[in-house]
C-alpha atoms as a PDB file:
ATOM      1  CA  MET A   1      -0.115  -0.088   0.007  1.00  0.00           C
ATOM      2  CA  LEU A   2       2.920   2.394   0.916  1.00  0.00           C
ATOM      3  CA  ARG A   3       4.367   1.748  -2.478  1.00  0.00           C
ATOM      4  CA  LEU A   4       1.651   1.611  -4.496  1.00  0.00           C
ATOM      5  CA  VAL A   5      -0.477   4.702  -3.073  1.00  0.00           C
ATOM      6  CA  TYR A   6       2.217   6.881  -1.539  1.00  0.00           C
ATOM      7  CA  GLY A   7       5.443   6.155  -3.730  1.00  0.00           C
ATOM      8  CA  LEU A   8       7.211   5.121  -0.641  1.00  0.00           C
ATOM      9  CA  GLY A   9       9.143   1.744  -1.368  1.00  0.00           C
ATOM     10  CA  PRO A  10      11.108  -0.774   0.618  1.00  0.00           C
ATOM     11  CA  ARG A  11      14.239   1.429   1.022  1.00  0.00           C
ATOM     12  CA  HIS A  12      12.354   4.143   2.450  1.00  0.00           C
ATOM     13  CA  TYR A  13      10.563   1.847   4.738  1.00  0.00           C
ATOM     14  CA  HIS A  14      13.923   0.411   6.306  1.00  0.00           C
ATOM     15  CA  ILE A  15      15.907   4.025   6.396  1.00  0.00           C
ATOM     16  CA  ALA A  16      12.901   5.565   8.127  1.00  0.00           C
ATOM     17  CA  ARG A  17      12.629   2.513  10.524  1.00  0.00           C
ATOM     18  CA  TYR A  18       8.941   2.003   9.799  1.00  0.00           C
ATOM     19  CA  TRP A  19       9.245  -1.486  11.486  1.00  0.00           C
ATOM     20  CA  ARG A  20       9.538   0.279  14.866  1.00  0.00           C
ATOM     21  CA  ARG A  21       6.521  -1.035  16.934  1.00  0.00           C
ATOM     22  CA  GLY A  22       3.613   1.366  17.594  1.00  0.00           C
ATOM     23  CA  LEU A  23       4.254   3.865  14.562  1.00  0.00           C
ATOM     24  CA  PRO A  24       0.856   5.039  13.518  1.00  0.00           C
ATOM     25  CA  TRP A  25      -0.268   4.828   9.921  1.00  0.00           C
ATOM     26  CA  ALA A  26      -0.660   8.540   9.690  1.00  0.00           C
ATOM     27  CA  PHE A  27       3.104   8.862  10.563  1.00  0.00           C
ATOM     28  CA  LYS A  28       4.126   6.257   7.838  1.00  0.00           C
ATOM     29  CA  THR A  29       1.932   8.003   5.015  1.00  0.00           C
ATOM     30  CA  GLY A  30       3.012  11.474   6.156  1.00  0.00           C
ATOM     31  CA  PHE A  31       6.425  11.393   4.240  1.00  0.00           C
ATOM     32  CA  TRP A  32       6.468  12.644   0.711  1.00  0.00           C
ATOM     33  CA  THR A  33       8.379  11.389  -2.296  1.00  0.00           C
ATOM     34  CA  TYR A  34      11.165  13.563  -3.582  1.00  0.00           C
ATOM     35  CA  LYS A  35       8.841  14.865  -6.677  1.00  0.00           C
ATOM     36  CA  LYS A  36       6.158  15.655  -4.154  1.00  0.00           C
ATOM     37  CA  PHE A  37       8.579  17.551  -1.772  1.00  0.00           C
ATOM     38  CA  ARG A  38       9.990  19.442  -4.718  1.00  0.00           C
ATOM     39  CA  ARG A  39       6.712  20.357  -6.244  1.00  0.00           C
ATOM     40  CA  PHE A  40       5.606  21.669  -2.668  1.00  0.00           C
ATOM     41  CA  VAL A  41       8.991  23.644  -2.073  1.00  0.00           C
ATOM     42  CA  SER A  42       8.516  25.359  -5.571  1.00  0.00           C
ATOM     43  CA  LYS A  43       5.242  26.629  -4.203  1.00  0.00           C
ATOM     44  CA  LEU A  44       7.097  28.103  -1.111  1.00  0.00           C
ATOM     45  CA  ASN A  45       9.963  29.384  -3.222  1.00  0.00           C
ATOM     46  CA  PRO A  46       9.197  30.575  -6.606  1.00  0.00           C
ATOM     47  CA  PRO A  47      11.737  28.957  -9.231  1.00  0.00           C
ATOM     48  CA  ALA A  48      12.447  32.373 -10.582  1.00  0.00           C
ATOM     49  CA  TYR A  49      13.897  33.538  -7.236  1.00  0.00           C
ATOM     50  CA  GLN A  50      15.703  30.304  -6.178  1.00  0.00           C
ATOM     51  CA  LYS A  51      18.842  31.179  -8.012  1.00  0.00           C
ATOM     52  CA  ILE A  52      19.561  34.363  -5.956  1.00  0.00           C
ATOM     53  CA  SER A  53      20.500  31.804  -2.975  1.00  0.00           C
ATOM     54  CA  GLN A  54      22.035  28.974  -5.217  1.00  0.00           C
ATOM     55  CA  ASN A  55      24.782  31.360  -6.542  1.00  0.00           C
ATOM     56  CA  LYS A  56      27.046  31.735  -3.601  1.00  0.00           C
ATOM     57  CA  ILE A  57      28.292  35.324  -4.695  1.00  0.00           C
ATOM     58  CA  SER A  58      24.652  36.631  -4.803  1.00  0.00           C
ATOM     59  CA  GLU A  59      23.785  34.867  -1.618  1.00  0.00           C
ATOM     60  CA  LYS A  60      26.899  36.555   0.076  1.00  0.00           C
ATOM     61  CA  GLY A  61      26.054  39.945  -1.148  1.00  0.00           C
ATOM     62  CA  VAL A  62      22.452  39.727   0.313  1.00  0.00           C
ATOM     63  CA  LEU A  63      23.567  38.403   3.744  1.00  0.00           C
ATOM     64  CA  GLU A  64      26.507  40.869   4.149  1.00  0.00           C
ATOM     65  CA  LEU A  65      24.362  43.831   3.018  1.00  0.00           C
ATOM     66  CA  LEU A  66      21.660  42.919   5.738  1.00  0.00           C
ATOM     67  CA  LYS A  67      24.530  42.455   8.342  1.00  0.00           C
ATOM     68  CA  ILE A  68      23.838  38.738   8.741  1.00  0.00           C
ATOM     69  CA  PRO A  69      27.193  37.246   9.930  1.00  0.00           C
ATOM     70  CA  THR A  70      28.859  35.017   7.521  1.00  0.00           C
ATOM     71  CA  PRO A  71      32.541  33.953   7.062  1.00  0.00           C
ATOM     72  CA  ARG A  72      34.840  36.700   5.859  1.00  0.00           C
ATOM     73  CA  PHE A  73      34.631  37.049   2.218  1.00  0.00           C
ATOM     74  CA  LEU A  74      37.927  37.861   0.376  1.00  0.00           C
ATOM     75  CA  GLY A  75      37.216  37.454  -3.382  1.00  0.00           C
ATOM     76  CA  HIS A  76      35.595  35.808  -6.373  1.00  0.00           C
ATOM     77  CA  LEU A  77      38.300  33.825  -8.266  1.00  0.00           C
ATOM     78  CA  HIS A  78      37.555  33.458 -11.974  1.00  0.00           C
ATOM     79  CA  ALA A  79      40.167  33.150 -14.894  1.00  0.00           C
ATOM     80  CA  GLN A  80      38.524  36.127 -16.717  1.00  0.00           C
ATOM     81  CA  LEU A  81      36.056  37.963 -14.342  1.00  0.00           C
ATOM     82  CA  GLY A  82      37.521  37.486 -10.820  1.00  0.00           C
ATOM     83  CA  VAL A  83      37.587  40.216  -8.413  1.00  0.00           C
ATOM     84  CA  ALA A  84      38.813  40.608  -4.853  1.00  0.00           C
ATOM     85  CA  LYS A  85      37.014  42.301  -2.165  1.00  0.00           C
ATOM     86  CA  THR A  86      39.444  45.225  -2.437  1.00  0.00           C
ATOM     87  CA  GLY A  87      38.146  45.671  -5.977  1.00  0.00           C
ATOM     88  CA  ALA A  88      41.432  44.363  -7.309  1.00  0.00           C
ATOM     89  CA  ARG A  89      41.704  41.823 -10.147  1.00  0.00           C
ATOM     90  CA  LEU A  90      41.627  38.205  -8.969  1.00  0.00           C
ATOM     91  CA  ILE A  91      42.251  36.041 -11.987  1.00  0.00           C
ATOM     92  CA  ASN A  92      45.484  33.933 -11.474  1.00  0.00           C
ATOM     93  CA  ASP A  93      48.062  32.958  -8.690  1.00  0.00           C
ATOM     94  CA  LYS A  94      49.799  36.400  -8.830  1.00  0.00           C
ATOM     95  CA  ASP A  95      46.491  38.141  -8.074  1.00  0.00           C
ATOM     96  CA  LEU A  96      45.764  35.634  -5.301  1.00  0.00           C
ATOM     97  CA  THR A  97      49.358  36.213  -3.785  1.00  0.00           C
ATOM     98  CA  GLU A  98      48.742  40.082  -3.931  1.00  0.00           C
ATOM     99  CA  LEU A  99      45.567  39.587  -2.075  1.00  0.00           C
ATOM    100  CA  LEU A 100      47.140  37.487   0.893  1.00  0.00           C
ATOM    101  CA  PHE A 101      49.431  40.334   1.261  1.00  0.00           C
ATOM    102  CA  THR A 102      46.465  42.554   1.737  1.00  0.00           C
ATOM    103  CA  TYR A 103      45.229  40.335   4.690  1.00  0.00           C
ATOM    104  CA  PRO A 104      48.407  39.465   6.556  1.00  0.00           C
ATOM    105  CA  GLN A 105      46.292  38.135   9.517  1.00  0.00           C
ATOM    106  CA  VAL A 106      44.483  35.413   7.543  1.00  0.00           C
ATOM    107  CA  ASP A 107      45.988  32.073   8.019  1.00  0.00           C
ATOM    108  CA  ARG A 108      43.411  29.741   6.624  1.00  0.00           C
ATOM    109  CA  LEU A 109      41.321  29.823   3.434  1.00  0.00           C
ATOM    110  CA  CYS A 110      38.486  27.861   1.870  1.00  0.00           C
ATOM    111  CA  PHE A 111      37.538  27.811  -1.777  1.00  0.00           C
ATOM    112  CA  LYS A 112      33.950  26.930  -2.817  1.00  0.00           C
ATOM    113  CA  LEU A 113      32.540  26.453  -6.201  1.00  0.00           C
ATOM    114  CA  VAL A 114      30.182  29.527  -6.611  1.00  0.00           C
ATOM    115  CA  GLU A 115      27.587  27.046  -7.807  1.00  0.00           C
ATOM    116  CA  GLY A 116      28.740  23.661  -6.150  1.00  0.00           C
ATOM    117  CA  TYR A 117      26.597  21.317  -4.069  1.00  0.00           C
ATOM    118  CA  GLY A 118      27.129  18.821  -1.714  1.00  0.00           C
ATOM    119  CA  GLY A 119      30.654  19.994  -0.793  1.00  0.00           C
ATOM    120  CA  GLU A 120      31.788  19.469  -4.411  1.00  0.00           C
ATOM    121  CA  GLY A 121      34.921  21.070  -5.156  1.00  0.00           C
ATOM    122  CA  PHE A 122      35.648  22.450  -1.601  1.00  0.00           C
ATOM    123  CA  ARG A 123      39.319  23.035  -0.745  1.00  0.00           C
ATOM    124  CA  ALA A 124      40.837  24.248   2.396  1.00  0.00           C
ATOM    125  CA  VAL A 125      44.587  25.539   3.022  1.00  0.00           C
ATOM    126  CA  ARG A 126      46.793  26.968   5.535  1.00  0.00           C
ATOM    127  CA  VAL A 127      48.745  29.874   4.389  1.00  0.00           C
ATOM    128  CA  VAL A 128      52.426  29.623   5.086  1.00  0.00           C
ATOM    129  CA  ARG A 129      54.107  32.927   5.211  1.00  0.00           C
ATOM    130  CA  GLU A 130      57.978  32.423   4.906  1.00  0.00           C
ATOM    131  CA  GLU A 131      60.202  33.708   1.927  1.00  0.00           C
ATOM    132  CA  THR A 132      57.376  33.014  -0.402  1.00  0.00           C
ATOM    133  CA  LEU A 133      53.729  32.488   0.219  1.00  0.00           C
ATOM    134  CA  THR A 134      52.695  29.008  -0.031  1.00  0.00           C
ATOM    135  CA  PHE A 135      49.753  26.700   0.984  1.00  0.00           C
ATOM    136  CA  ARG A 136      49.415  23.540   2.976  1.00  0.00           C
ATOM    137  CA  LEU A 137      46.365  21.525   2.409  1.00  0.00           C
ATOM    138  CA  LEU A 138      44.449  21.274   5.515  1.00  0.00           C
ATOM    139  CA  ASP A 139      43.188  17.522   5.198  1.00  0.00           C
ATOM    140  CA  THR A 140      46.769  15.948   4.193  1.00  0.00           C
ATOM    141  CA  ASP A 141      49.256  18.899   5.203  1.00  0.00           C
ATOM    142  CA  GLU A 142      50.900  18.551   1.810  1.00  0.00           C
ATOM    143  CA  PRO A 143      52.844  21.679   0.811  1.00  0.00           C
ATOM    144  CA  VAL A 144      51.802  23.072  -2.486  1.00  0.00           C
ATOM    145  CA  ASP A 145      52.843  26.287  -4.163  1.00  0.00           C
ATOM    146  CA  ILE A 146      50.124  28.688  -5.238  1.00  0.00           C
ATOM    147  CA  PRO A 147      50.362  28.348  -8.936  1.00  0.00           C
ATOM    148  CA  ARG A 148      50.277  24.544  -8.781  1.00  0.00           C
ATOM    149  CA  PHE A 149      47.314  24.798  -6.322  1.00  0.00           C
ATOM    150  CA  ILE A 150      45.466  26.997  -8.922  1.00  0.00           C
ATOM    151  CA  ASP A 151      45.957  24.783 -11.835  1.00  0.00           C
ATOM    152  CA  GLU A 152      45.907  21.439 -10.341  1.00  0.00           C
ATOM    153  CA  PHE A 153      43.401  21.499  -7.212  1.00  0.00           C
ATOM    154  CA  LEU A 154      41.254  24.361  -8.529  1.00  0.00           C
ATOM    155  CA  GLN A 155      41.560  23.702 -12.226  1.00  0.00           C
ATOM    156  CA  LEU A 156      40.623  27.390 -12.797  1.00  0.00           C
ATOM    157  CA  GLY A 157      41.519  27.333 -16.448  1.00  0.00           C
ATOM    158  CA  SER A 158      38.600  24.778 -17.077  1.00  0.00           C
ATOM    159  CA  GLY A 159      36.087  27.360 -16.404  1.00  0.00           C
ATOM    160  CA  THR A 160      35.478  26.947 -12.784  1.00  0.00           C
ATOM    161  CA  ASP A 161      34.964  29.883 -10.530  1.00  0.00           C
ATOM    162  CA  TYR A 162      35.264  30.002  -6.722  1.00  0.00           C
ATOM    163  CA  ILE A 163      34.331  32.120  -3.660  1.00  0.00           C
ATOM    164  CA  ILE A 164      37.123  32.667  -1.295  1.00  0.00           C
ATOM    165  CA  GLU A 165      36.605  32.959   2.505  1.00  0.00           C
ATOM    166  CA  GLU A 166      38.435  32.841   5.565  1.00  0.00           C
ATOM    167  CA  TYR A 167      38.229  29.440   7.022  1.00  0.00           C
ATOM    168  CA  LEU A 168      36.001  29.408  10.223  1.00  0.00           C
ATOM    169  CA  GLN A 169      37.271  28.843  13.555  1.00  0.00           C
ATOM    170  CA  GLN A 170      34.289  26.655  15.018  1.00  0.00           C
ATOM    171  CA  HIS A 171      33.248  26.653  18.661  1.00  0.00           C
ATOM    172  CA  PRO A 172      35.564  24.253  20.789  1.00  0.00           C
ATOM    173  CA  GLU A 173      32.667  22.097  21.853  1.00  0.00           C
ATOM    174  CA  LEU A 174      31.773  21.439  18.158  1.00  0.00           C
ATOM    175  CA  ALA A 175      35.394  20.994  17.468  1.00  0.00           C
ATOM    176  CA  HIS A 176      35.602  18.314  19.998  1.00  0.00           C
ATOM    177  CA  PHE A 177      33.110  16.226  18.004  1.00  0.00           C
ATOM    178  CA  ASN A 178      35.592  16.275  14.960  1.00  0.00           C
ATOM    179  CA  ALA A 179      38.201  18.678  14.457  1.00  0.00           C
ATOM    180  CA  SER A 180      39.027  18.035  10.677  1.00  0.00           C
ATOM    181  CA  SER A 181      35.632  19.380   9.663  1.00  0.00           C
ATOM    182  CA  VAL A 182      33.602  22.588  10.512  1.00  0.00           C
ATOM    183  CA  ASN A 183      30.449  20.644  11.859  1.00  0.00           C
ATOM    184  CA  THR A 184      27.542  22.695  11.039  1.00  0.00           C
ATOM    185  CA  LEU A 185      23.652  22.686  12.008  1.00  0.00           C
ATOM    186  CA  ARG A 186      21.148  22.256   9.082  1.00  0.00           C
ATOM    187  CA  ILE A 187      18.320  24.292  10.214  1.00  0.00           C
ATOM    188  CA  TRP A 188      14.942  24.223   8.169  1.00  0.00           C
ATOM    189  CA  ALA A 189      13.326  27.419   8.678  1.00  0.00           C
ATOM    190  CA  ALA A 190      10.412  29.420   7.156  1.00  0.00           C
ATOM    191  CA  SER A 191       9.542  32.871   6.797  1.00  0.00           C
ATOM    192  CA  THR A 192       6.240  33.902   5.778  1.00  0.00           C
ATOM    193  CA  GLY A 193       3.860  36.952   6.354  1.00  0.00           C
ATOM    194  CA  GLY A 194       6.568  38.507   8.757  1.00  0.00           C
ATOM    195  CA  LYS A 195       6.388  35.469  10.878  1.00  0.00           C
ATOM    196  CA  GLY A 196       9.368  33.081  11.241  1.00  0.00           C
ATOM    197  CA  THR A 197       9.261  29.339  12.070  1.00  0.00           C
ATOM    198  CA  PHE A 198      11.525  26.791  13.069  1.00  0.00           C
ATOM    199  CA  LEU A 199      10.792  23.335  11.494  1.00  0.00           C
ATOM    200  CA  GLY A 200      13.623  21.225  12.364  1.00  0.00           C
ATOM    201  CA  ALA A 201      17.433  20.672  12.776  1.00  0.00           C
ATOM    202  CA  PHE A 202      20.388  18.297  12.857  1.00  0.00           C
ATOM    203  CA  LEU A 203      23.947  18.599  13.335  1.00  0.00           C
ATOM    204  CA  ARG A 204      26.310  17.286  10.710  1.00  0.00           C
ATOM    205  CA  ILE A 205      29.613  15.986  11.940  1.00  0.00           C
ATOM    206  CA  GLY A 206      32.253  14.955   9.620  1.00  0.00           C
ATOM    207  CA  ARG A 207      34.099  11.879   9.498  1.00  0.00           C
ATOM    208  CA  HIS A 208      37.761  11.384  10.915  1.00  0.00           C
ATOM    209  CA  GLY A 209      40.191  13.503   8.670  1.00  0.00           C
ATOM    210  CA  SER A 210      37.369  14.704   6.348  1.00  0.00           C
ATOM    211  CA  LEU A 211      37.189  18.496   5.524  1.00  0.00           C
ATOM    212  CA  VAL A 212      33.481  18.495   5.045  1.00  0.00           C
ATOM    213  CA  ASP A 213      30.458  17.599   7.070  1.00  0.00           C
ATOM    214  CA  ASN A 214      28.136  16.927   4.010  1.00  0.00           C
ATOM    215  CA  THR A 215      25.859  13.975   4.564  1.00  0.00           C
ATOM    216  CA  SER A 216      25.968  13.051   0.942  1.00  0.00           C
ATOM    217  CA  GLN A 217      29.717  12.144   1.567  1.00  0.00           C
ATOM    218  CA  GLY A 218      28.975  10.201   4.588  1.00  0.00           C
ATOM    219  CA  ALA A 219      29.022  12.570   7.373  1.00  0.00           C
ATOM    220  CA  LEU A 220      27.009  11.722  10.523  1.00  0.00           C
ATOM    221  CA  ALA A 221      23.623  13.237  11.396  1.00  0.00           C
ATOM    222  CA  PHE A 222      22.139  14.016  14.713  1.00  0.00           C
ATOM    223  CA  PRO A 223      18.834  15.626  15.318  1.00  0.00           C
ATOM    224  CA  VAL A 224      18.648  18.470  17.828  1.00  0.00           C
ATOM    225  CA  ASP A 225      15.782  18.901  20.095  1.00  0.00           C
ATOM    226  CA  ILE A 226      13.622  21.983  19.102  1.00  0.00           C
ATOM    227  CA  ASP A 227      13.263  23.551  22.619  1.00  0.00           C
ATOM    228  CA  SER A 228      16.412  22.648  24.301  1.00  0.00           C
ATOM    229  CA  GLY A 229      19.096  22.237  21.731  1.00  0.00           C
ATOM    230  CA  GLU A 230      20.039  18.912  22.875  1.00  0.00           C
ATOM    231  CA  ILE A 231      21.483  16.374  20.562  1.00  0.00           C
ATOM    232  CA  GLY A 232      19.800  13.100  19.871  1.00  0.00           C
ATOM    233  CA  PRO A 233      20.859   9.576  18.552  1.00  0.00           C
ATOM    234  CA  GLY A 234      22.757  10.015  15.332  1.00  0.00           C
ATOM    235  CA  VAL A 235      22.265   8.305  11.915  1.00  0.00           C
ATOM    236  CA  ILE A 236      24.015   7.854   8.700  1.00  0.00           C
ATOM    237  CA  LYS A 237      21.433   8.949   5.913  1.00  0.00           C
ATOM    238  CA  ASN A 238      20.511   6.196   3.431  1.00  0.00           C
ATOM    239  CA  ILE A 239      22.131   3.508   5.955  1.00  0.00           C
ATOM    240  CA  TRP A 240      19.334   1.082   7.316  1.00  0.00           C
ATOM    241  CA  ASN A 241      18.401   0.281  10.751  1.00  0.00           C
ATOM    242  CA  GLU A 242      21.432   2.048  12.694  1.00  0.00           C
ATOM    243  CA  THR A 243      21.400   4.669  15.339  1.00  0.00           C
ATOM    244  CA  PHE A 244      24.286   5.621  17.597  1.00  0.00           C
ATOM    245  CA  GLU A 245      25.249   7.971  20.488  1.00  0.00           C
ATOM    246  CA  PHE A 246      29.028   8.361  19.741  1.00  0.00           C
ATOM    247  CA  HIS A 247      31.280   9.358  16.752  1.00  0.00           C
ATOM    248  CA  LYS A 248      31.705   6.268  14.602  1.00  0.00           C
ATOM    249  CA  ASP A 249      35.445   6.874  14.147  1.00  0.00           C
ATOM    250  CA  SER A 250      36.693   8.333  17.422  1.00  0.00           C
ATOM    251  CA  GLY A 251      33.953   7.028  19.999  1.00  0.00           C
ATOM    252  CA  VAL A 252      33.755  10.668  21.281  1.00  0.00           C
ATOM    253  CA  PRO A 253      30.069  10.802  22.900  1.00  0.00           C
ATOM    254  CA  ILE A 254      27.624  13.333  21.193  1.00  0.00           C
ATOM    255  CA  THR A 255      24.095  12.414  22.031  1.00  0.00           C
ATOM    256  CA  GLY A 256      22.988  14.260  25.113  1.00  0.00           C
ATOM    257  CA  GLU A 257      25.310  17.016  24.591  1.00  0.00           C
ATOM    258  CA  LYS A 258      23.919  20.720  24.072  1.00  0.00           C
ATOM    259  CA  ILE A 259      24.654  23.041  21.045  1.00  0.00           C
ATOM    260  CA  PRO A 260      25.965  26.430  22.099  1.00  0.00           C
ATOM    261  CA  PHE A 261      24.260  29.510  21.266  1.00  0.00           C
ATOM    262  CA  TRP A 262      21.011  27.281  20.209  1.00  0.00           C
ATOM    263  CA  GLY A 263      18.444  30.161  20.515  1.00  0.00           C
ATOM    264  CA  GLU A 264      20.580  32.529  18.595  1.00  0.00           C
ATOM    265  CA  ALA A 265      21.265  29.799  15.729  1.00  0.00           C
ATOM    266  CA  VAL A 266      17.658  29.310  15.180  1.00  0.00           C
ATOM    267  CA  GLY A 267      16.854  33.126  15.077  1.00  0.00           C
ATOM    268  CA  LEU A 268      19.613  33.731  12.639  1.00  0.00           C
ATOM    269  CA  ALA A 269      18.396  30.947  10.438  1.00  0.00           C
ATOM    270  CA  ILE A 270      14.944  32.503  10.412  1.00  0.00           C
ATOM    271  CA  ARG A 271      16.564  35.909   9.591  1.00  0.00           C
ATOM    272  CA  ALA A 272      18.513  34.440   6.920  1.00  0.00           C
ATOM    273  CA  VAL A 273      15.393  33.124   5.237  1.00  0.00           C
ATOM    274  CA  ALA A 274      13.465  36.302   5.541  1.00  0.00           C
ATOM    275  CA  ALA A 275      16.479  38.212   3.960  1.00  0.00           C
ATOM    276  CA  PHE A 276      15.921  36.951   0.298  1.00  0.00           C
ATOM    277  CA  PRO A 277      13.033  38.081  -1.694  1.00  0.00           C
ATOM    278  CA  ARG A 278       9.892  35.777  -2.161  1.00  0.00           C
ATOM    279  CA  LEU A 279      11.623  32.916  -0.561  1.00  0.00           C
ATOM    280  CA  GLN A 280       9.626  31.341   2.411  1.00  0.00           C
ATOM    281  CA  PHE A 281      11.631  28.265   3.325  1.00  0.00           C
ATOM    282  CA  ALA A 282      15.303  27.091   3.250  1.00  0.00           C
ATOM    283  CA  GLY A 283      17.542  24.624   5.004  1.00  0.00           C
ATOM    284  CA  VAL A 284      20.087  26.988   6.568  1.00  0.00           C
ATOM    285  CA  ASP A 285      23.691  25.942   7.307  1.00  0.00           C
ATOM    286  CA  ILE A 286      24.867  27.477  10.458  1.00  0.00           C
ATOM    287  CA  ALA A 287      28.308  27.317  12.099  1.00  0.00           C
ATOM    288  CA  ILE A 288      28.958  27.972  15.778  1.00  0.00           C
ATOM    289  CA  THR A 289      32.088  29.922  16.594  1.00  0.00           C
ATOM    290  CA  ALA A 290      33.210  31.132  19.998  1.00  0.00           C
ATOM    291  CA  ASP A 291      31.248  34.422  19.488  1.00  0.00           C
ATOM    292  CA  GLY A 292      28.084  33.010  18.258  1.00  0.00           C
ATOM    293  CA  PRO A 293      26.513  31.588  15.169  1.00  0.00           C
ATOM    294  CA  VAL A 294      27.270  32.394  11.570  1.00  0.00           C
ATOM    295  CA  VAL A 295      25.473  31.478   8.320  1.00  0.00           C
ATOM    296  CA  ILE A 296      27.363  29.380   5.926  1.00  0.00           C
ATOM    297  CA  GLU A 297      24.862  28.994   3.177  1.00  0.00           C
ATOM    298  CA  LEU A 298      21.103  28.363   2.513  1.00  0.00           C
ATOM    299  CA  ASN A 299      19.746  25.666   0.604  1.00  0.00           C
ATOM    300  CA  VAL A 300      16.314  26.416  -0.957  1.00  0.00           C
ATOM    301  CA  GLU A 301      15.710  22.947  -1.877  1.00  0.00           C
ATOM    302  CA  PRO A 302      17.199  20.795   0.826  1.00  0.00           C
ATOM    303  CA  ASP A 303      17.251  17.094   0.826  1.00  0.00           C
ATOM    304  CA  PRO A 304      13.787  15.746   1.642  1.00  0.00           C
ATOM    305  CA  ALA A 305      15.536  12.877   3.675  1.00  0.00           C
ATOM    306  CA  SER A 306      16.218  15.270   6.380  1.00  0.00           C
ATOM    307  CA  ALA A 307      12.801  14.582   7.690  1.00  0.00           C
ATOM    308  CA  ILE A 308      14.006  10.931   8.302  1.00  0.00           C
ATOM    309  CA  VAL A 309      16.711  12.352  10.561  1.00  0.00           C
ATOM    310  CA  PHE A 310      14.077  14.764  12.293  1.00  0.00           C
ATOM    311  CA  ASP A 311      11.734  11.583  12.653  1.00  0.00           C
ATOM    312  CA  ARG A 312       8.876  13.649  11.495  1.00  0.00           C
ATOM    313  CA  PRO A 313       6.782  13.325   8.568  1.00  0.00           C
ATOM    314  CA  HIS A 314       6.741  16.046   5.872  1.00  0.00           C
ATOM    315  CA  ARG A 315       3.106  16.525   6.633  1.00  0.00           C
ATOM    316  CA  ASP A 316       3.754  17.391  10.186  1.00  0.00           C
ATOM    317  CA  ILE A 317       6.582  19.559   9.377  1.00  0.00           C
ATOM    318  CA  PHE A 318       4.797  21.719   6.991  1.00  0.00           C
ATOM    319  CA  SER A 319       1.449  21.653   8.730  1.00  0.00           C
ATOM    320  CA  GLN A 320       1.019  25.518   8.894  1.00  0.00           C
ATOM    321  CA  PHE A 321       1.243  25.647   4.966  1.00  0.00           C
ATOM    322  CA  ASP A 322      -1.265  24.583   2.482  1.00  0.00           C
ATOM    323  CA  VAL A 323      -0.005  21.155   1.473  1.00  0.00           C
ATOM    324  CA  SER A 324      -2.992  20.251  -0.984  1.00  0.00           C
END
């Protein structure tokens, strides 16, 4: 019946742990297929406006203009059109070196594809300031000179372009869970009619040695309690039947801990959604620093499988909206 009427097959059945005793039928039928979820989100976020957030340059501009905290922006690296925050040209290794002389206090950088998804193309380096400026890759500590980094690791000549930011120093409590990645909250938030609403959240924690915390690359996902900010049992999305309370690689306990600045993070996510014209809903990625939360990016069409991590059907999550 679930497969034929609601489009929810055996794979979804097991990942969502429908075999748990006592789950009501209304809970099971409250989850949506990707097609239905996408159709519904397009009602909340008109497709013509979604691209504002999907392009990291335009997204960064809106957030900074409205004084929403984000990692420090240094420039847009592009082989023909690149521009530094200072207004200088930023199209090659020489321009990047000049930019780093302008910011002598910056010791770590991250490079993100302007329209990349799921951690695709993400690079992070430590700046070595000796006789000449060089980089060390944060994941391997491999030394690499800047021309080689531009050509081999970014492949700038192939038409790619990157946003350059200062690498974020996360809160010590989150670094304790896994230090190699900046571990972020994915908060589903809505803003409609001047009213903000929190819909759900989970903490993403990278695997040992990984630079990214994207669940599409195997990171761990821990739901966060709406009211208290307490972390619940973790899952690996798309892995059947498994929950855990510790980091899968290091054994560090996670479940039961609380997110620092939880209330501020939720409020910031709602502000971020409200900042973008005609958008009513997004999955907002929030990092927590020692000084408070910072917006990493918005996802105007987040993975609907997040509802499985929340352990809440889509119908319940979006009950305030017309889901007909």
